[in-house]
């Protein structure tokens, strides 16, 4: 195992210098009413770059931003009727140039002093999430992260196989810590304040409307992906990952009890390239079951075996 990179404090004589090292990437799909409330504070703090990704916004978000904030860069995505947050954030990152990137949603207000805090606290070898409040993380700010560009790019950015609510942030944080050996650090949660809204807005452009069901799919996907990368292959191409996610959606999309209930799924994963260079097809079974069949704690178990030529439908 490679040692973790050293944590080196950034020393800056001019308090404004760190502002010129950070890009704010704001993703938006049908949230102009939120962005109107949140972007003024970001502009006021004057980071080096602000990128708004207008992901096919039906309310013409990009036009409004360009008319009111000409120094903000607008990137438009018009080839997807749905919303893929990981893709939107990756596109925003590719359109920025700074060593640090702050990924933030359109419904997150920032409070005065955040960039000053970054000036005195950001350190190489770390990425930053909102600190728990009373030991509990706020799900609404879970995805608001400050990340160094180079490790973010080296780990492949956000996994664009995620479509639907959540999961992509947890997956990224795991890869930054496990693969890049970054330390997860925290910024004071008082700097970020979510605008409250109901689940109908969160899932408006997603196929699956029930958050518990989407969470179940996301957890299953992450566990299977981790197992394959740990035990069988060195990489999983995006087409393979997307197919894994689609199979999970078909099998778990109607699941009503979320993570509380036992369940079992079997995925057929084709054309994997094993570490010896040989191509293989695998059947991967993931089960959440009680330890003693009818009682005991529920645990996730994963087993992979070679697939027969006929496979599963």
Protein backbone atom coordinates (compact mmCIF):
# COMPACT_ATOMS: atom_id res chain seq x y z
CA UNK A 1 0.00 0.00 0.00
CA UNK A 2 1.34 3.41 -0.96
CA UNK A 3 1.78 5.87 1.92
CA UNK A 4 -0.58 8.80 2.11
CA UNK A 5 0.77 12.02 0.58
CA UNK A 6 2.03 14.51 3.13
CA UNK A 7 -0.32 17.21 4.32
CA UNK A 8 1.26 20.57 3.49
CA UNK A 9 -0.30 23.80 4.66
CA UNK A 10 -0.76 26.43 1.95
CA UNK A 11 1.08 29.60 2.98
CA UNK A 12 -0.16 32.74 1.26
CA UNK A 13 0.99 36.25 2.07
CA UNK A 14 -1.75 38.05 0.16
CA UNK A 15 -5.19 37.06 1.53
CA UNK A 16 -6.65 37.43 -1.97
CA UNK A 17 -4.30 34.88 -3.55
CA UNK A 18 -6.24 31.80 -2.50
CA UNK A 19 -9.35 33.23 -4.13
CA UNK A 20 -7.52 32.99 -7.42
CA UNK A 21 -6.90 29.29 -6.88
CA UNK A 22 -10.53 28.21 -6.47
CA UNK A 23 -13.32 27.68 -8.99
CA UNK A 24 -16.93 27.32 -7.92
CA UNK A 25 -18.75 24.80 -10.12
CA UNK A 26 -22.52 25.19 -9.79
CA UNK A 27 -24.78 22.65 -11.46
CA UNK A 28 -28.37 23.44 -12.31
CA UNK A 29 -31.42 21.75 -13.84
CA UNK A 30 -34.67 23.65 -13.42
CA UNK A 31 -33.42 25.49 -10.32
CA UNK A 32 -33.25 29.10 -11.48
CA UNK A 33 -35.50 30.09 -8.56
CA UNK A 34 -32.81 28.75 -6.21
CA UNK A 35 -29.84 30.12 -8.14
CA UNK A 36 -31.31 33.63 -7.97
CA UNK A 37 -31.00 33.34 -4.18
CA UNK A 38 -27.57 31.72 -3.98
CA UNK A 39 -25.31 33.05 -6.72
CA UNK A 40 -25.10 36.68 -5.44
CA UNK A 41 -23.15 35.61 -2.33
CA UNK A 42 -20.75 33.50 -4.40
CA UNK A 43 -20.11 36.38 -6.81
CA UNK A 44 -19.61 38.76 -3.89
CA UNK A 45 -16.79 36.62 -2.47
CA UNK A 46 -15.04 36.81 -5.87
CA UNK A 47 -13.39 33.44 -6.39
CA UNK A 48 -11.12 33.10 -9.41
CA UNK A 49 -13.77 31.35 -11.48
CA UNK A 50 -17.48 30.67 -11.26
CA UNK A 51 -18.88 28.13 -13.69
CA UNK A 52 -22.61 27.51 -13.98
CA UNK A 53 -23.52 24.31 -15.80
CA UNK A 54 -26.93 24.79 -17.41
CA UNK A 55 -27.92 21.15 -17.91
CA UNK A 56 -30.80 21.62 -20.30
CA UNK A 57 -32.56 23.99 -17.91
CA UNK A 58 -36.18 24.52 -18.98
CA UNK A 59 -36.13 27.93 -17.29
CA UNK A 60 -33.22 29.29 -19.39
CA UNK A 61 -30.88 29.56 -16.43
CA UNK A 62 -27.84 30.21 -18.59
CA UNK A 63 -29.47 33.20 -20.28
CA UNK A 64 -30.36 34.74 -16.92
CA UNK A 65 -26.83 34.25 -15.57
CA UNK A 66 -25.21 35.79 -18.65
CA UNK A 67 -27.55 38.78 -18.51
CA UNK A 68 -26.98 39.47 -14.82
CA UNK A 69 -23.46 38.15 -14.14
CA UNK A 70 -21.39 38.52 -17.32
CA UNK A 71 -18.18 37.46 -15.55
CA UNK A 72 -19.66 34.06 -14.68
CA UNK A 73 -18.91 31.36 -17.23
CA UNK A 74 -21.97 29.46 -18.45
CA UNK A 75 -21.61 25.97 -19.91
CA UNK A 76 -24.69 24.53 -21.60
CA UNK A 77 -25.51 20.84 -21.93
CA UNK A 78 -28.39 20.21 -24.31
CA UNK A 79 -28.18 16.55 -25.25
CA UNK A 80 -29.84 14.94 -22.21
CA UNK A 81 -33.53 15.33 -21.30
CA UNK A 82 -32.82 13.98 -17.83
CA UNK A 83 -30.19 15.08 -15.32
CA UNK A 84 -26.84 13.41 -14.65
CA UNK A 85 -25.23 15.35 -11.81
CA UNK A 86 -21.86 13.54 -12.08
CA UNK A 87 -21.62 14.43 -15.77
CA UNK A 88 -22.63 18.03 -15.08
CA UNK A 89 -19.95 18.39 -12.42
CA UNK A 90 -17.29 16.76 -14.59
CA UNK A 91 -18.15 19.13 -17.44
CA UNK A 92 -17.90 22.07 -15.07
CA UNK A 93 -14.52 20.89 -13.81
CA UNK A 94 -13.19 20.52 -17.35
CA UNK A 95 -14.20 24.12 -18.04
CA UNK A 96 -12.30 25.44 -15.02
CA UNK A 97 -8.56 26.00 -14.67
CA UNK A 98 -7.82 26.45 -10.97
CA UNK A 99 -5.90 24.05 -8.69
CA UNK A 100 -8.92 23.80 -6.36
CA UNK A 101 -12.58 23.22 -7.23
CA UNK A 102 -15.61 23.76 -5.02
CA UNK A 103 -18.56 21.70 -6.22
CA UNK A 104 -21.83 23.19 -5.04
CA UNK A 105 -25.48 22.89 -6.00
CA UNK A 106 -27.76 25.75 -6.95
CA UNK A 107 -29.73 25.41 -3.71
CA UNK A 108 -26.80 26.03 -1.34
CA UNK A 109 -26.26 29.49 0.15
CA UNK A 110 -22.77 30.41 1.26
CA UNK A 111 -22.07 32.76 4.14
CA UNK A 112 -19.44 35.50 4.47
CA UNK A 113 -15.91 34.47 5.32
CA UNK A 114 -15.77 31.10 3.58
CA UNK A 115 -12.95 32.07 1.20
CA UNK A 116 -11.08 33.71 4.08
CA UNK A 117 -11.35 30.40 5.92
CA UNK A 118 -10.02 28.58 2.86
CA UNK A 119 -7.10 31.00 2.76
CA UNK A 120 -5.91 29.97 6.18
CA UNK A 121 -6.89 26.29 6.22
CA UNK A 122 -6.70 24.59 2.82
CA UNK A 123 -3.95 21.99 2.73
CA UNK A 124 -2.52 19.79 0.01
CA UNK A 125 -3.32 16.12 0.48
CA UNK A 126 -6.86 16.87 1.70
CA UNK A 127 -10.36 17.39 0.42
CA UNK A 128 -13.00 19.22 2.43
CA UNK A 129 -16.61 18.53 3.36
CA UNK A 130 -18.96 20.30 5.74
CA UNK A 131 -18.25 19.34 9.33
CA UNK A 132 -20.89 17.30 11.15
CA UNK A 133 -23.22 19.39 13.27
CA UNK A 134 -23.54 17.76 16.67
CA UNK A 135 -21.97 14.61 15.27
CA UNK A 136 -24.50 14.36 12.43
CA UNK A 137 -23.85 15.24 8.79
CA UNK A 138 -26.44 17.33 6.99
CA UNK A 139 -27.60 15.37 3.95
CA UNK A 140 -28.42 18.62 2.16
CA UNK A 141 -24.77 19.74 2.17
CA UNK A 142 -23.29 16.23 1.85
CA UNK A 143 -22.17 16.89 -1.73
CA UNK A 144 -20.69 20.37 -1.23
CA UNK A 145 -17.00 19.61 -1.43
CA UNK A 146 -13.71 21.44 -1.99
CA UNK A 147 -11.36 19.23 -3.93
CA UNK A 148 -7.83 19.59 -5.34
CA UNK A 149 -7.94 19.33 -9.12
CA UNK A 150 -5.08 16.91 -9.80
CA UNK A 151 -6.30 14.05 -7.55
CA UNK A 152 -9.85 14.65 -8.76
CA UNK A 153 -8.74 14.22 -12.37
CA UNK A 154 -6.44 11.29 -11.60
CA UNK A 155 -9.26 9.37 -9.93
CA UNK A 156 -11.48 9.95 -12.96
CA UNK A 157 -13.80 12.58 -11.50
CA UNK A 158 -17.38 11.69 -10.66
CA UNK A 159 -18.70 8.34 -11.88
CA UNK A 160 -21.16 9.16 -14.65
CA UNK A 161 -22.89 5.80 -14.28
CA UNK A 162 -24.86 7.38 -11.42
CA UNK A 163 -28.18 8.73 -12.64
CA UNK A 164 -30.74 9.65 -10.07
CA UNK A 165 -30.59 11.11 -6.61
CA UNK A 166 -27.39 10.71 -4.61
CA UNK A 167 -24.57 8.19 -4.42
CA UNK A 168 -22.06 9.94 -6.68
CA UNK A 169 -20.60 11.97 -3.81
CA UNK A 170 -20.07 8.97 -1.51
CA UNK A 171 -18.44 7.11 -4.38
CA UNK A 172 -16.06 9.99 -5.11
CA UNK A 173 -15.07 10.41 -1.46
CA UNK A 174 -14.29 6.71 -1.18
CA UNK A 175 -12.07 6.81 -4.25
CA UNK A 176 -10.27 9.96 -3.14
CA UNK A 177 -9.41 8.37 0.19
CA UNK A 178 -8.79 4.78 -0.96
CA UNK A 179 -7.09 5.34 -4.32
CA UNK A 180 -5.54 8.79 -3.98
CA UNK A 181 -4.86 8.51 -0.23
CA UNK A 182 -6.28 11.96 0.43
CA UNK A 183 -7.32 12.88 3.93
CA UNK A 184 -10.95 13.89 4.42
CA UNK A 185 -10.96 17.19 6.29
CA UNK A 186 -13.80 19.52 7.24
CA UNK A 187 -14.83 23.12 6.86
CA UNK A 188 -17.27 24.67 9.38
CA UNK A 189 -20.81 23.79 8.42
CA UNK A 190 -21.91 27.35 9.24
CA UNK A 191 -20.48 28.48 5.90
CA UNK A 192 -23.08 26.59 3.87
CA UNK A 193 -26.84 26.74 4.26
CA UNK A 194 -29.25 24.68 2.15
CA UNK A 195 -32.54 26.02 0.86
CA UNK A 196 -35.25 23.68 2.07
CA UNK A 197 -37.43 21.98 -0.54
CA UNK A 198 -39.26 18.71 -0.93
CA UNK A 199 -38.24 15.50 -2.67
CA UNK A 200 -40.35 16.24 -5.72
CA UNK A 201 -37.81 18.89 -6.76
CA UNK A 202 -34.87 16.57 -6.12
CA UNK A 203 -36.28 13.80 -8.27
CA UNK A 204 -38.12 15.85 -10.90
CA UNK A 205 -35.74 14.90 -13.71
CA UNK A 206 -35.01 11.36 -12.47
CA UNK A 207 -36.80 8.12 -13.34
CA UNK A 208 -36.88 6.83 -9.75
CA UNK A 209 -38.83 9.13 -7.42
CA UNK A 210 -38.41 7.25 -4.13
CA UNK A 211 -35.18 8.29 -2.40
CA UNK A 212 -34.97 5.09 -0.34
CA UNK A 213 -35.11 2.97 -3.48
CA UNK A 214 -32.44 5.05 -5.20
CA UNK A 215 -30.27 4.79 -2.09
CA UNK A 216 -30.60 1.01 -2.18
CA UNK A 217 -29.52 0.96 -5.83
CA UNK A 218 -26.58 3.28 -5.14
CA UNK A 219 -25.30 1.29 -2.17
CA UNK A 220 -25.55 -1.96 -4.12
CA UNK A 221 -23.71 -0.46 -7.09
CA UNK A 222 -20.87 0.91 -4.97
CA UNK A 223 -20.40 -2.38 -3.14
CA UNK A 224 -20.35 -4.42 -6.35
CA UNK A 225 -17.95 -1.99 -8.01
CA UNK A 226 -15.60 -2.09 -5.03
CA UNK A 227 -15.69 -5.89 -4.98
CA UNK A 228 -14.85 -6.19 -8.68
CA UNK A 229 -11.98 -3.72 -8.48
CA UNK A 230 -10.60 -5.37 -5.36
CA UNK A 231 -10.88 -9.00 -6.45
CA UNK A 232 -11.08 -9.25 -10.23
CA UNK A 233 -10.13 -6.28 -12.43
CA UNK A 234 -8.06 -3.11 -12.46
CA UNK A 235 -10.65 -0.98 -14.22
CA UNK A 236 -14.30 -0.88 -15.16
CA UNK A 237 -15.10 1.08 -18.35
CA UNK A 238 -18.03 3.46 -18.27
CA UNK A 239 -20.13 1.24 -20.55
CA UNK A 240 -19.72 -1.68 -18.13
CA UNK A 241 -20.53 0.49 -15.13
CA UNK A 242 -23.58 1.98 -16.82
CA UNK A 243 -24.86 -1.49 -17.65
CA UNK A 244 -24.36 -2.57 -14.03
CA UNK A 245 -26.42 0.40 -12.88
CA UNK A 246 -29.19 -0.32 -15.38
CA UNK A 247 -29.42 -3.95 -14.26
CA UNK A 248 -29.70 -2.81 -10.64
CA UNK A 249 -32.43 -0.33 -11.54
CA UNK A 250 -34.43 -3.04 -13.30
CA UNK A 251 -34.13 -5.44 -10.39
CA UNK A 252 -34.44 -3.00 -7.49
CA UNK A 253 -36.41 -0.13 -9.01
CA UNK A 254 -39.70 -1.34 -7.54
CA UNK A 255 -38.27 -2.16 -4.14
CA UNK A 256 -40.45 -0.50 -1.52
CA UNK A 257 -38.67 -1.10 1.76
CA UNK A 258 -35.34 0.54 1.03
CA UNK A 259 -32.34 -0.71 2.96
CA UNK A 260 -34.42 -2.31 5.73
CA UNK A 261 -35.54 -5.38 3.83
CA UNK A 262 -33.60 -8.41 2.68
CA UNK A 263 -33.08 -8.77 -1.04
CA UNK A 264 -30.97 -10.46 -3.68
CA UNK A 265 -29.79 -9.39 -7.14
CA UNK A 266 -27.73 -11.12 -9.82
CA UNK A 267 -25.86 -9.10 -12.44
CA UNK A 268 -24.31 -10.44 -15.60
CA UNK A 269 -21.21 -8.38 -16.30
CA UNK A 270 -19.74 -8.99 -19.72
CA UNK A 271 -16.37 -8.52 -21.35
CA UNK A 272 -14.35 -7.71 -18.27
CA UNK A 273 -10.59 -7.74 -18.73
CA UNK A 274 -9.05 -9.67 -15.86
CA UNK A 275 -5.65 -8.83 -14.39
CA UNK A 276 -4.08 -11.60 -16.48
CA UNK A 277 -5.35 -9.88 -19.62
CA UNK A 278 -8.00 -12.48 -20.40
CA UNK A 279 -11.57 -11.48 -21.14
CA UNK A 280 -14.22 -12.87 -18.85
CA UNK A 281 -17.95 -12.67 -18.15
CA UNK A 282 -19.05 -12.79 -14.53
CA UNK A 283 -22.26 -13.40 -12.66
CA UNK A 284 -22.22 -11.27 -9.53
CA UNK A 285 -24.72 -12.03 -6.79
CA UNK A 286 -25.37 -9.54 -4.04
CA UNK A 287 -27.54 -10.56 -1.13
CA UNK A 288 -28.75 -8.72 1.91
CA UNK A 289 -29.90 -11.39 4.29
CA UNK A 290 -30.20 -12.15 7.97
CA UNK A 291 -27.30 -13.88 9.58
CA UNK A 292 -29.45 -16.81 10.74
CA UNK A 293 -32.05 -16.85 7.91
CA UNK A 294 -35.02 -15.69 10.02
CA UNK A 295 -33.26 -13.54 12.61
CA UNK A 296 -30.03 -11.73 13.30
CA UNK A 297 -28.44 -8.66 11.77
CA UNK A 298 -28.84 -8.13 8.04
CA UNK A 299 -25.57 -8.17 6.10
CA UNK A 300 -24.57 -7.62 2.49
CA UNK A 301 -22.72 -10.47 0.85
CA UNK A 302 -21.21 -10.53 -2.63
CA UNK A 303 -20.14 -13.53 -4.68
CA UNK A 304 -18.82 -13.56 -8.24
CA UNK A 305 -18.47 -16.59 -10.50
CA UNK A 306 -17.83 -17.17 -14.20
CA UNK A 307 -20.95 -16.76 -16.30
CA UNK A 308 -22.12 -19.51 -18.57
CA UNK A 309 -22.45 -18.58 -22.21
CA UNK A 310 -26.24 -18.36 -21.93
CA UNK A 311 -26.03 -15.94 -18.97
CA UNK A 312 -29.13 -14.41 -17.44
CA UNK A 313 -31.75 -12.18 -19.01
